[in-house]
């Protein structure tokens, strides 16, 4: 699998009449060991989250509940929109790809898995600087 561009990863879905189960594990579904996990929830209507690029960290985003769009700006300033609305699809984003999240549905929860601990120095927070 090519891990230099953002892409949707389909995760295993085990169907059962009692409820479905999805899992992920390294290296079968993730190209990295998980060092940090966070989730975003209770986003007011019309708000956006993100708006940055990581210099070195890789990230996977999963919609655990509801739906939202992840808009990725590539280094050449083109954009890709990924709608996440199923918990068995994950979006992989490599380093140096700008992203923001928008169009959160009511009660949506986004789960984020990263390769490193929080480090403010790893963030690029000004889009025009990122595009240079």
Protein backbone atom coordinates (compact mmCIF):
# COMPACT_ATOMS: atom_id res chain seq x y z
CA UNK A 1 0.00 0.00 0.00
CA UNK A 2 1.24 3.50 -0.83
CA UNK A 3 1.58 5.55 2.37
CA UNK A 4 2.63 8.84 0.76
CA UNK A 5 -0.88 10.07 -0.07
CA UNK A 6 -4.14 10.30 1.91
CA UNK A 7 -6.34 7.28 1.40
CA UNK A 8 -9.32 5.41 2.79
CA UNK A 9 -8.46 2.15 4.54
CA UNK A 10 -11.25 -0.41 4.78
CA UNK A 11 -11.15 -2.11 8.16
CA UNK A 12 -12.47 -5.60 8.93
CA UNK A 13 -16.20 -5.74 9.67
CA UNK A 14 -17.41 -8.76 11.56
CA UNK A 15 -21.16 -8.95 11.23
CA UNK A 16 -23.19 -10.54 13.97
CA UNK A 17 -26.94 -10.38 14.76
CA UNK A 18 -25.98 -9.08 18.22
CA UNK A 19 -24.08 -6.14 16.70
CA UNK A 20 -21.11 -5.63 14.41
CA UNK A 21 -17.46 -5.42 15.43
CA UNK A 22 -14.58 -3.65 13.69
CA UNK A 23 -10.95 -3.64 14.75
CA UNK A 24 -7.57 -2.45 13.58
CA UNK A 25 -4.06 -3.50 14.39
CA UNK A 26 -0.51 -2.76 13.37
CA UNK A 27 0.86 -3.72 10.87
CA UNK A 28 -2.21 -5.30 9.23
CA UNK A 29 -4.30 -2.12 8.98
CA UNK A 30 -2.07 0.69 10.20
CA UNK A 31 1.33 1.66 8.81
CA UNK A 32 2.47 2.81 12.27
CA UNK A 33 2.45 2.11 15.99
CA UNK A 34 -0.09 4.27 17.84
CA UNK A 35 1.47 6.76 20.28
CA UNK A 36 -1.49 9.14 20.80
CA UNK A 37 -5.27 8.83 20.61
CA UNK A 38 -7.82 11.63 20.84
CA UNK A 39 -11.42 12.18 19.80
CA UNK A 40 -13.54 15.15 18.83
CA UNK A 41 -17.22 15.40 19.77
CA UNK A 42 -20.00 17.90 20.57
CA UNK A 43 -18.98 20.13 17.66
CA UNK A 44 -21.52 22.95 17.24
CA UNK A 45 -23.26 23.21 13.86
CA UNK A 46 -21.18 24.93 11.19
CA UNK A 47 -17.89 24.72 13.10
CA UNK A 48 -14.63 23.38 11.64
CA UNK A 49 -11.86 21.55 13.45
CA UNK A 50 -8.25 20.94 12.50
CA UNK A 51 -6.78 23.46 10.12
CA UNK A 52 -3.18 22.31 10.29
CA UNK A 53 -0.59 19.90 8.94
CA UNK A 54 1.77 17.71 10.91
CA UNK A 55 5.41 17.94 9.88
CA UNK A 56 6.31 14.37 10.89
CA UNK A 57 3.27 12.62 12.35
CA UNK A 58 1.01 10.22 10.52
CA UNK A 59 -2.69 10.16 11.43
CA UNK A 60 -5.69 7.92 10.94
CA UNK A 61 -9.19 9.33 11.41
CA UNK A 62 -12.31 7.19 11.98
CA UNK A 63 -15.93 8.23 12.37
CA UNK A 64 -17.13 6.29 15.40
CA UNK A 65 -20.55 7.92 15.20
CA UNK A 66 -22.29 10.17 12.71
CA UNK A 67 -20.54 11.73 9.76
CA UNK A 68 -18.18 14.54 8.81
CA UNK A 69 -15.97 15.60 5.91
CA UNK A 70 -12.18 15.73 6.06
CA UNK A 71 -10.81 18.19 3.53
CA UNK A 72 -7.14 17.57 2.76
CA UNK A 73 -5.05 20.21 1.01
CA UNK A 74 -2.13 18.69 -0.86
CA UNK A 75 1.25 20.43 -1.15
CA UNK A 76 0.31 21.60 -4.69
CA UNK A 77 -2.77 23.40 -3.21
CA UNK A 78 -5.31 20.97 -4.68
CA UNK A 79 -7.88 19.55 -2.28
CA UNK A 80 -9.48 16.19 -1.68
CA UNK A 81 -12.69 15.70 0.29
CA UNK A 82 -13.29 12.48 2.21
CA UNK A 83 -16.68 11.83 3.80
CA UNK A 84 -16.40 9.55 6.81
CA UNK A 85 -19.70 8.01 7.87
CA UNK A 86 -18.97 4.34 8.56
CA UNK A 87 -16.89 3.06 11.47
CA UNK A 88 -15.21 0.44 9.28
CA UNK A 89 -13.55 3.06 7.07
CA UNK A 90 -10.47 4.95 8.24
CA UNK A 91 -8.74 7.87 6.56
CA UNK A 92 -4.95 7.72 6.55
CA UNK A 93 -3.17 11.10 6.30
CA UNK A 94 0.64 11.15 5.93
CA UNK A 95 2.82 13.99 7.23
CA UNK A 96 2.84 17.34 5.40
CA UNK A 97 -0.81 17.22 4.35
CA UNK A 98 -3.05 20.05 5.56
CA UNK A 99 -6.45 19.00 6.87
CA UNK A 100 -9.58 20.43 8.36
CA UNK A 101 -12.81 18.73 9.35
CA UNK A 102 -16.26 20.15 8.62
CA UNK A 103 -19.94 19.23 8.17
CA UNK A 104 -20.20 17.38 11.49
CA UNK A 105 -23.55 15.66 11.91
CA UNK A 106 -25.36 15.72 15.23
CA UNK A 107 -23.69 13.45 17.80
CA UNK A 108 -20.71 12.68 15.55
CA UNK A 109 -17.47 11.44 17.10
CA UNK A 110 -14.14 11.42 15.25
CA UNK A 111 -11.37 9.19 16.55
CA UNK A 112 -7.75 10.16 15.77
CA UNK A 113 -4.77 7.81 15.98
CA UNK A 114 -1.30 9.37 15.68
CA UNK A 115 2.33 8.30 15.54
CA UNK A 116 3.57 10.68 18.21
CA UNK A 117 2.74 12.46 21.42
CA UNK A 118 1.46 16.03 21.22
CA UNK A 119 4.25 18.38 20.16
CA UNK A 120 3.35 21.95 19.22
CA UNK A 121 6.57 22.15 17.17
CA UNK A 122 5.25 19.43 14.85
CA UNK A 123 2.28 21.57 13.75
CA UNK A 124 2.06 23.87 10.75
CA UNK A 125 -0.89 26.15 11.60
CA UNK A 126 -0.68 28.82 8.85
CA UNK A 127 -1.91 27.59 5.48
CA UNK A 128 0.11 30.09 3.43
CA UNK A 129 3.31 28.92 5.16
CA UNK A 130 2.38 25.31 4.45
CA UNK A 131 1.87 26.03 0.74
CA UNK A 132 5.32 27.62 0.33
